[in-house]
C-alpha atoms as a PDB file:
ATOM      1  CA  MET A   1       0.000   0.000   0.000  1.00  0.00           C
ATOM      2  CA  ALA A   2       1.299   3.458  -0.908  1.00  0.00           C
ATOM      3  CA  ARG A   3       2.353   5.747   1.857  1.00  0.00           C
ATOM      4  CA  LYS A   4       0.111   8.772   2.297  1.00  0.00           C
ATOM      5  CA  VAL A   5       1.834  12.138   2.010  1.00  0.00           C
ATOM      6  CA  ASN A   6       1.033  14.645   4.689  1.00  0.00           C
ATOM      7  CA  TYR A   7       0.862  17.833   2.669  1.00  0.00           C
ATOM      8  CA  GLU A   8      -0.109  19.994   5.620  1.00  0.00           C
ATOM      9  CA  GLU A   9       3.105  19.125   7.457  1.00  0.00           C
ATOM     10  CA  LYS A  10       5.213  19.752   4.360  1.00  0.00           C
ATOM     11  CA  ILE A  11       3.470  23.051   3.667  1.00  0.00           C
ATOM     12  CA  SER A  12       3.897  24.121   7.274  1.00  0.00           C
ATOM     13  CA  ALA A  13       7.583  23.184   7.242  1.00  0.00           C
ATOM     14  CA  LEU A  14       8.188  25.153   4.049  1.00  0.00           C
ATOM     15  CA  GLU A  15       6.327  28.177   5.387  1.00  0.00           C
ATOM     16  CA  ALA A  16       8.481  28.078   8.519  1.00  0.00           C
ATOM     17  CA  LYS A  17      11.643  27.936   6.402  1.00  0.00           C
ATOM     18  CA  ILE A  18      10.426  30.852   4.284  1.00  0.00           C
ATOM     19  CA  GLU A  19       9.686  32.931   7.377  1.00  0.00           C
ATOM     20  CA  LYS A  20      13.125  32.163   8.808  1.00  0.00           C
ATOM     21  CA  LYS A  21      14.839  33.181   5.567  1.00  0.00           C
ATOM     22  CA  GLN A  22      12.757  36.363   5.358  1.00  0.00           C
ATOM     23  CA  ASN A  23      13.908  37.280   8.858  1.00  0.00           C
ATOM     24  CA  GLU A  24      17.511  36.596   7.863  1.00  0.00           C
ATOM     25  CA  ILE A  25      17.097  38.772   4.770  1.00  0.00           C
ATOM     26  CA  LYS A  26      15.596  41.554   6.871  1.00  0.00           C
ATOM     27  CA  ALA A  27      18.567  41.418   9.246  1.00  0.00           C
ATOM     28  CA  LEU A  28      21.026  41.431   6.344  1.00  0.00           C
ATOM     29  CA  LYS A  29      19.279  44.414   4.766  1.00  0.00           C
ATOM     30  CA  GLY A  30      19.585  46.235   8.080  1.00  0.00           C
ATOM     31  CA  LYS A  31      23.319  45.522   8.211  1.00  0.00           C
ATOM     32  CA  LEU A  32      23.656  46.597   4.585  1.00  0.00           C
ATOM     33  CA  GLY A  33      21.952  49.887   5.353  1.00  0.00           C
ATOM     34  CA  GLU A  34      24.268  50.476   8.296  1.00  0.00           C
ATOM     35  CA  LEU A  35      27.346  49.760   6.183  1.00  0.00           C
ATOM     36  CA  LYS A  36      26.165  52.039   3.380  1.00  0.00           C
ATOM     37  CA  SER A  37      25.546  54.802   5.891  1.00  0.00           C
ATOM     38  CA  ALA A  38      28.978  54.345   7.453  1.00  0.00           C
ATOM     39  CA  LYS A  39      30.601  54.401   4.005  1.00  0.00           C
ATOM     40  CA  ALA A  40      28.743  57.573   3.063  1.00  0.00           C
ATOM     41  CA  LYS A  41      29.905  59.262   6.276  1.00  0.00           C
ATOM     42  CA  GLU A  42      33.484  58.159   5.632  1.00  0.00           C
ATOM     43  CA  ASP A  43      33.344  59.398   2.032  1.00  0.00           C
ATOM     44  CA  TYR A  44      31.893  62.729   3.164  1.00  0.00           C
ATOM     45  CA  LYS A  45      34.592  63.108   5.812  1.00  0.00           C
ATOM     46  CA  GLU A  46      37.303  62.354   3.252  1.00  0.00           C
ATOM     47  CA  LEU A  47      35.832  64.861   0.803  1.00  0.00           C
ATOM     48  CA  MET A  48      35.580  67.559   3.458  1.00  0.00           C
ATOM     49  CA  GLU A  49      39.184  66.965   4.541  1.00  0.00           C
ATOM     50  CA  TYR A  50      40.311  67.253   0.923  1.00  0.00           C
ATOM     51  CA  MET A  51      38.361  70.472   0.472  1.00  0.00           C
ATOM     52  CA  VAL A  52      39.784  71.997   3.659  1.00  0.00           C
ATOM     53  CA  THR A  53      43.328  70.880   2.847  1.00  0.00           C
ATOM     54  CA  ASN A  54      43.108  72.383  -0.637  1.00  0.00           C
ATOM     55  CA  ASN A  55      41.090  75.421   0.446  1.00  0.00           C
ATOM     56  CA  LEU A  56      38.224  74.562  -1.906  1.00  0.00           C
ATOM     57  CA  SER A  57      34.573  75.506  -1.658  1.00  0.00           C
ATOM     58  CA  ALA A  58      31.704  73.281  -2.708  1.00  0.00           C
ATOM     59  CA  GLU A  59      31.114  75.504  -5.736  1.00  0.00           C
ATOM     60  CA  GLU A  60      34.724  75.109  -6.851  1.00  0.00           C
ATOM     61  CA  VAL A  61      34.578  71.344  -6.514  1.00  0.00           C
ATOM     62  CA  LEU A  62      31.301  71.154  -8.424  1.00  0.00           C
ATOM     63  CA  SER A  63      32.564  73.398 -11.204  1.00  0.00           C
ATOM     64  CA  SER A  64      35.682  71.260 -11.625  1.00  0.00           C
ATOM     65  CA  ILE A  65      33.542  68.115 -11.802  1.00  0.00           C
ATOM     66  CA  LYS A  66      31.133  69.600 -14.327  1.00  0.00           C
ATOM     67  CA  GLY A  67      34.032  70.802 -16.410  1.00  0.00           C
END
């Protein structure tokens, strides 16, 4: 006699796995956001230091970028 498949258990197990992975993705997205923010702050700090060191204003930097 063929073994009966319990679809409810399999569905429930897959839903639990999906929820776990969604939580992991959410946590990773949070870490990604934090890293992007930290990088942006670091880039801004580096740019400001360059501008101060070279006595440049924002307008001067923008005009040199735009050509």
